């Protein structure tokens, strides 16, 4: 059959120009030479996602970034009673420069709080951080889905308890009139009061944190384990690898990026070791064993009304925490991991 070679009309030419192929070519011509979309086109493409994240961004801006402006109090002899308006009180408070920071570095109580904070962080890093990983590996090895779900529910449950309830449970177990002391007295031994012993307070705090939050911490590791292809385990088993070798060569490498990320975040949170938990038990063991940076700031700022001094201590804590995050993230990059952000 012979094809017609009659020229098309102008209307047909216009219709062809409006086809998707032609419009795609027009979009391609609008792209910059590098091949990347312009900012306007990317905004049009992602406008729905940007609108979805807008409420969260506003919350972070209002409650996280705007209060940073209040750090100016650290350089003042702040008087909250200068005015009914807090902003006006800042404007009318005398400027003292770095006097508050000089007082901090010369205060032995501040350095005692720093020492207690670092000791607690070291114990929690060594004793608490590996436990969610081990629990995730243990739960992941359970074959029966019902047993796995029940184990997860039991481990998650303490996370939803308040610190008041957690401390009450430990008081009933390890207090002077607790279950452990009663059992020791029944068998002719002296009772123990671990809850008021300054020598064991740091281990007590770590044990409470493990019991309350270790089960919740395994969620991220279980999600990482769920993404590991089963083909890797099957290939390792065909090569003769046993359970331990499969865990060492397949499971742990899959968890390594997550472990590096959480470790960086944990190091950045080193100077925050549990304000409410420690404040509730501070009077029982004394400030010498229980004073940390958060309680130090609260005691001087809220109880003693020395707001400039407390703000300076909090600002020092924030700057040091930022430095720890950057240093830990650099170490993660040297180990070949992404960390909190890419290079």
Foldseek 3Di string as FASTA:
>chain_A
DDDDPDDDDPVVVVVVCPDPVNVVVVVVVVADPVRDRDPVVVCVVCVVVVVVCVVVVVVCCVPPVVCVVVLQLLQFQQDCPPDVDNVVSSVPTHGRGCPLVVVLVVDVLNVLQAVLLLVLLVCCVVPPLCLLVVVLVVLVPDDDPVVSVVVLCVQQVLQPDDLVVLVVVVCQDQAQPHPQQVVQVVVPHHGGGLLQALVCVSVVLSVSCNSRCSSVVNPVLNVLQVPFDVVLVVVCVVVPDDPVRCCVPGSVVSCVLVSLQVVLVSQLCSQPSDDVNLVVSCVSHHCSRRRHLNVVLCCCCVVVVSNNSSSNSVVVSNVVSVVSSVVSCVVCVVVVHQHPHHD
